Amino acid sequence: MSDMTEAPNLRPADRAANIDLLSGISLRMSVEVGSASITLAALLELSEGSVVELDRQANDLLDILVNGTLVAKGEIVDVNGRYGVRVVDVVSADRRLAGMERRS
């Protein structure tokens, strides 16, 4: 099968079994606050207390990525003294698939 157009048409019970089969697979989830492009010279000049300005506003939602693919937007919350992320918006399946195709 080269793409999903050739995928077999599974019955709901078969789909549920496939999801159960995949549900134990570990995925890497990360949250991106923002990014910046700097020169190597600027990187070498960084020291304790240096500030690097990111490409986002302080009130912008954060990107929630799974294996490098954007899946949702969220905001930071405090969970018993640890950082957490509250999901505010889930990216549509079409946008998630488009992001995966770009990485291929």
N, C-alpha and C. Protein backbone atom coordinates (compact mmCIF):
# COMPACT_ATOMS: atom_id res chain seq x y z
N MET A 1 0.84 -1.18 0.00
CA MET A 1 0.00 0.00 0.00
C MET A 1 0.87 1.23 0.00
N SER A 2 0.65 2.12 -0.94
CA SER A 2 1.47 3.32 -1.02
C SER A 2 0.82 4.50 -0.33
N ASP A 3 -0.49 4.49 -0.21
CA ASP A 3 -1.17 5.57 0.51
C ASP A 3 -2.49 5.04 1.07
N MET A 4 -3.22 5.91 1.76
CA MET A 4 -4.44 5.48 2.44
C MET A 4 -5.57 5.16 1.47
N THR A 5 -5.49 5.57 0.20
CA THR A 5 -6.55 5.26 -0.75
C THR A 5 -6.61 3.77 -1.04
N GLU A 6 -5.51 3.07 -0.78
CA GLU A 6 -5.46 1.64 -1.01
C GLU A 6 -5.66 0.83 0.27
N ALA A 7 -5.95 1.49 1.37
CA ALA A 7 -6.12 0.81 2.66
C ALA A 7 -7.39 -0.02 2.64
N PRO A 8 -7.37 -1.18 3.28
CA PRO A 8 -8.58 -2.00 3.31
C PRO A 8 -9.66 -1.33 4.14
N ASN A 9 -10.91 -1.58 3.78
CA ASN A 9 -12.05 -1.03 4.51
C ASN A 9 -12.34 -1.96 5.70
N LEU A 10 -12.00 -1.50 6.90
CA LEU A 10 -12.13 -2.35 8.10
C LEU A 10 -13.48 -2.15 8.77
N ARG A 11 -14.00 -3.22 9.33
CA ARG A 11 -15.22 -3.15 10.13
C ARG A 11 -14.89 -2.44 11.44
N PRO A 12 -15.91 -1.82 12.09
CA PRO A 12 -15.65 -1.13 13.37
C PRO A 12 -14.94 -2.00 14.40
N ALA A 13 -15.27 -3.28 14.50
CA ALA A 13 -14.61 -4.16 15.47
C ALA A 13 -13.14 -4.32 15.14
N ASP A 14 -12.82 -4.41 13.84
CA ASP A 14 -11.42 -4.52 13.41
C ASP A 14 -10.66 -3.24 13.72
N ARG A 15 -11.30 -2.09 13.50
CA ARG A 15 -10.66 -0.81 13.80
C ARG A 15 -10.34 -0.72 15.29
N ALA A 16 -11.28 -1.11 16.13
CA ALA A 16 -11.06 -1.07 17.58
C ALA A 16 -9.90 -1.97 17.98
N ALA A 17 -9.80 -3.14 17.35
CA ALA A 17 -8.69 -4.05 17.65
C ALA A 17 -7.37 -3.43 17.23
N ASN A 18 -7.35 -2.74 16.09
CA ASN A 18 -6.12 -2.09 15.63
C ASN A 18 -5.71 -0.97 16.57
N ILE A 19 -6.68 -0.21 17.06
CA ILE A 19 -6.36 0.87 18.00
C ILE A 19 -5.82 0.28 19.29
N ASP A 20 -6.42 -0.82 19.77
CA ASP A 20 -5.91 -1.48 20.97
C ASP A 20 -4.48 -1.95 20.76
N LEU A 21 -4.18 -2.45 19.58
CA LEU A 21 -2.84 -2.92 19.25
C LEU A 21 -1.83 -1.77 19.31
N LEU A 22 -2.24 -0.60 18.85
CA LEU A 22 -1.34 0.55 18.78
C LEU A 22 -1.31 1.37 20.06
N SER A 23 -2.27 1.20 20.95
CA SER A 23 -2.42 2.09 22.09
C SER A 23 -1.23 2.05 23.06
N GLY A 24 -0.43 1.00 23.06
CA GLY A 24 0.71 0.92 23.97
C GLY A 24 1.99 1.51 23.42
N ILE A 25 1.96 2.03 22.19
CA ILE A 25 3.17 2.59 21.58
C ILE A 25 3.47 3.94 22.21
N SER A 26 4.72 4.12 22.63
CA SER A 26 5.14 5.40 23.22
C SER A 26 5.43 6.42 22.13
N LEU A 27 4.99 7.64 22.37
CA LEU A 27 5.24 8.76 21.47
C LEU A 27 5.90 9.88 22.26
N ARG A 28 6.70 10.67 21.61
CA ARG A 28 7.37 11.79 22.27
C ARG A 28 6.53 13.05 22.12
N MET A 29 6.05 13.58 23.25
CA MET A 29 5.27 14.81 23.24
C MET A 29 6.13 15.94 23.74
N SER A 30 6.10 17.06 23.05
CA SER A 30 6.86 18.22 23.49
C SER A 30 6.01 19.47 23.31
N VAL A 31 6.39 20.52 24.02
CA VAL A 31 5.69 21.79 23.95
C VAL A 31 6.70 22.85 23.54
N GLU A 32 6.36 23.59 22.50
CA GLU A 32 7.27 24.63 22.00
C GLU A 32 6.74 25.99 22.40
N VAL A 33 7.55 26.69 23.18
CA VAL A 33 7.20 28.04 23.64
C VAL A 33 7.42 29.04 22.52
N GLY A 34 8.46 28.84 21.75
CA GLY A 34 8.80 29.74 20.65
C GLY A 34 10.16 29.36 20.14
N SER A 35 10.64 30.11 19.17
CA SER A 35 11.97 29.83 18.62
C SER A 35 12.62 31.14 18.19
N ALA A 36 13.90 31.06 17.92
CA ALA A 36 14.67 32.21 17.48
C ALA A 36 15.81 31.73 16.60
N SER A 37 16.18 32.54 15.65
CA SER A 37 17.37 32.27 14.84
C SER A 37 18.45 33.25 15.28
N ILE A 38 19.59 32.70 15.64
CA ILE A 38 20.70 33.56 16.05
C ILE A 38 21.97 33.07 15.35
N THR A 39 22.93 33.94 15.26
CA THR A 39 24.19 33.58 14.64
C THR A 39 25.03 32.77 15.62
N LEU A 40 25.99 32.08 15.11
CA LEU A 40 26.91 31.32 15.96
C LEU A 40 27.65 32.26 16.91
N ALA A 41 28.01 33.43 16.42
CA ALA A 41 28.71 34.40 17.27
C ALA A 41 27.82 34.82 18.45
N ALA A 42 26.53 35.06 18.17
CA ALA A 42 25.61 35.45 19.24
C ALA A 42 25.41 34.29 20.23
N LEU A 43 25.37 33.08 19.72
CA LEU A 43 25.24 31.90 20.58
C LEU A 43 26.44 31.78 21.52
N LEU A 44 27.62 32.01 20.99
CA LEU A 44 28.83 31.90 21.80
C LEU A 44 28.93 33.00 22.85
N GLU A 45 28.23 34.11 22.64
CA GLU A 45 28.25 35.21 23.60
C GLU A 45 27.24 35.03 24.73
N LEU A 46 26.36 34.04 24.64
CA LEU A 46 25.36 33.83 25.69
C LEU A 46 26.03 33.44 27.00
N SER A 47 25.50 33.97 28.06
CA SER A 47 26.01 33.62 29.38
C SER A 47 24.83 33.63 30.35
N GLU A 48 25.09 33.26 31.58
CA GLU A 48 24.04 33.24 32.58
C GLU A 48 23.39 34.62 32.66
N GLY A 49 22.07 34.66 32.56
CA GLY A 49 21.33 35.92 32.61
C GLY A 49 21.03 36.50 31.24
N SER A 50 21.61 35.94 30.18
CA SER A 50 21.31 36.41 28.83
C SER A 50 19.85 36.15 28.50
N VAL A 51 19.27 36.99 27.68
CA VAL A 51 17.89 36.83 27.25
C VAL A 51 17.86 36.69 25.73
N VAL A 52 17.18 35.67 25.25
CA VAL A 52 17.00 35.46 23.82
C VAL A 52 15.53 35.71 23.52
N GLU A 53 15.25 36.69 22.67
CA GLU A 53 13.87 37.02 22.33
C GLU A 53 13.32 35.98 21.36
N LEU A 54 12.15 35.44 21.69
CA LEU A 54 11.51 34.42 20.86
C LEU A 54 10.53 35.06 19.89
N ASP A 55 10.06 34.26 18.95
CA ASP A 55 9.19 34.75 17.88
C ASP A 55 7.71 34.76 18.25
N ARG A 56 7.38 34.74 19.54
CA ARG A 56 5.99 34.71 19.98
C ARG A 56 5.73 35.80 21.01
N GLN A 57 4.47 36.18 21.09
CA GLN A 57 4.04 37.10 22.13
C GLN A 57 3.84 36.31 23.42
N ALA A 58 3.93 36.97 24.57
CA ALA A 58 3.81 36.30 25.86
C ALA A 58 2.45 35.65 26.05
N ASN A 59 1.40 36.15 25.39
CA ASN A 59 0.05 35.59 25.58
C ASN A 59 -0.35 34.62 24.46
N ASP A 60 0.56 34.30 23.53
CA ASP A 60 0.26 33.34 22.46
C ASP A 60 0.17 31.93 23.02
N LEU A 61 -0.67 31.11 22.40
CA LEU A 61 -0.75 29.71 22.78
C LEU A 61 0.52 28.98 22.37
N LEU A 62 0.84 27.92 23.10
CA LEU A 62 2.03 27.12 22.83
C LEU A 62 1.68 26.00 21.86
N ASP A 63 2.67 25.55 21.08
CA ASP A 63 2.48 24.42 20.18
C ASP A 63 2.71 23.13 20.94
N ILE A 64 1.77 22.19 20.82
CA ILE A 64 1.92 20.86 21.40
C ILE A 64 2.22 19.92 20.24
N LEU A 65 3.40 19.31 20.29
CA LEU A 65 3.87 18.46 19.20
C LEU A 65 3.98 17.02 19.67
N VAL A 66 3.62 16.09 18.81
CA VAL A 66 3.82 14.67 19.07
C VAL A 66 4.70 14.14 17.95
N ASN A 67 5.87 13.63 18.31
CA ASN A 67 6.87 13.18 17.33
C ASN A 67 7.13 14.25 16.28
N GLY A 68 7.16 15.52 16.71
CA GLY A 68 7.48 16.62 15.81
C GLY A 68 6.33 17.14 14.98
N THR A 69 5.14 16.59 15.14
CA THR A 69 3.97 17.04 14.37
C THR A 69 3.03 17.82 15.28
N LEU A 70 2.62 19.00 14.84
CA LEU A 70 1.70 19.82 15.61
C LEU A 70 0.35 19.12 15.74
N VAL A 71 -0.10 18.89 16.97
CA VAL A 71 -1.39 18.24 17.19
C VAL A 71 -2.38 19.12 17.95
N ALA A 72 -1.87 20.14 18.67
CA ALA A 72 -2.77 20.98 19.46
C ALA A 72 -2.06 22.27 19.86
N LYS A 73 -2.84 23.19 20.42
CA LYS A 73 -2.34 24.43 21.00
C LYS A 73 -2.76 24.43 22.46
N GLY A 74 -1.93 25.00 23.32
CA GLY A 74 -2.27 24.98 24.73
C GLY A 74 -1.63 26.12 25.50
N GLU A 75 -1.86 26.08 26.81
CA GLU A 75 -1.31 27.09 27.71
C GLU A 75 -0.72 26.40 28.93
N ILE A 76 0.29 27.02 29.52
CA ILE A 76 0.96 26.45 30.68
C ILE A 76 0.09 26.59 31.91
N VAL A 77 0.06 25.52 32.71
CA VAL A 77 -0.65 25.54 34.00
C VAL A 77 0.27 24.95 35.06
N ASP A 78 -0.04 25.24 36.31
CA ASP A 78 0.70 24.68 37.43
C ASP A 78 -0.07 23.47 37.95
N VAL A 79 0.60 22.33 38.04
CA VAL A 79 -0.02 21.11 38.54
C VAL A 79 0.82 20.64 39.73
N ASN A 80 0.38 21.00 40.93
CA ASN A 80 1.10 20.63 42.15
C ASN A 80 2.58 21.00 42.10
N GLY A 81 2.88 22.22 41.66
CA GLY A 81 4.25 22.70 41.62
C GLY A 81 5.04 22.26 40.39
N ARG A 82 4.40 21.57 39.47
CA ARG A 82 5.06 21.15 38.22
C ARG A 82 4.35 21.80 37.05
N TYR A 83 5.08 21.96 35.95
CA TYR A 83 4.46 22.50 34.75
C TYR A 83 3.53 21.49 34.12
N GLY A 84 2.44 21.97 33.57
CA GLY A 84 1.52 21.16 32.80
C GLY A 84 1.04 21.99 31.63
N VAL A 85 0.31 21.38 30.72
CA VAL A 85 -0.23 22.10 29.56
C VAL A 85 -1.71 21.80 29.45
N ARG A 86 -2.51 22.83 29.42
CA ARG A 86 -3.95 22.68 29.20
C ARG A 86 -4.19 22.80 27.70
N VAL A 87 -4.80 21.79 27.11
CA VAL A 87 -5.10 21.81 25.68
C VAL A 87 -6.27 22.76 25.45
N VAL A 88 -6.04 23.74 24.60
CA VAL A 88 -7.05 24.75 24.30
C VAL A 88 -7.69 24.49 22.94
N ASP A 89 -6.89 24.01 21.99
CA ASP A 89 -7.39 23.79 20.63
C ASP A 89 -6.67 22.58 20.03
N VAL A 90 -7.43 21.63 19.51
CA VAL A 90 -6.85 20.46 18.85
C VAL A 90 -6.82 20.75 17.35
N VAL A 91 -5.67 20.50 16.74
CA VAL A 91 -5.49 20.74 15.31
C VAL A 91 -6.32 19.72 14.53
N SER A 92 -6.93 20.15 13.45
CA SER A 92 -7.74 19.24 12.63
C SER A 92 -6.89 18.12 12.06
N ALA A 93 -7.51 16.99 11.81
CA ALA A 93 -6.79 15.83 11.26
C ALA A 93 -6.14 16.18 9.93
N ASP A 94 -6.79 16.99 9.11
CA ASP A 94 -6.22 17.38 7.81
C ASP A 94 -4.90 18.13 8.00
N ARG A 95 -4.87 19.06 8.95
CA ARG A 95 -3.64 19.83 9.20
C ARG A 95 -2.55 18.94 9.78
N ARG A 96 -2.92 17.97 10.66
CA ARG A 96 -1.92 17.06 11.22
C ARG A 96 -1.31 16.21 10.13
N LEU A 97 -2.15 15.68 9.24
CA LEU A 97 -1.64 14.84 8.15
C LEU A 97 -0.77 15.64 7.20
N ALA A 98 -1.13 16.89 6.93
CA ALA A 98 -0.31 17.74 6.07
C ALA A 98 1.06 17.95 6.68
N GLY A 99 1.12 18.10 8.01
CA GLY A 99 2.41 18.27 8.69
C GLY A 99 3.26 17.02 8.59
N MET A 100 2.64 15.86 8.64
CA MET A 100 3.38 14.60 8.53
C MET A 100 3.92 14.41 7.12
N GLU A 101 3.16 14.81 6.11
CA GLU A 101 3.61 14.67 4.73
C GLU A 101 4.82 15.54 4.45
N ARG A 102 4.86 16.74 5.05
CA ARG A 102 6.00 17.64 4.83
C ARG A 102 7.29 17.04 5.37
N ARG A 103 7.20 16.23 6.45
CA ARG A 103 8.39 15.65 7.06
C ARG A 103 8.90 14.44 6.29
N SER A 104 8.06 13.83 5.45
CA SER A 104 8.45 12.61 4.74
C SER A 104 9.50 12.89 3.68
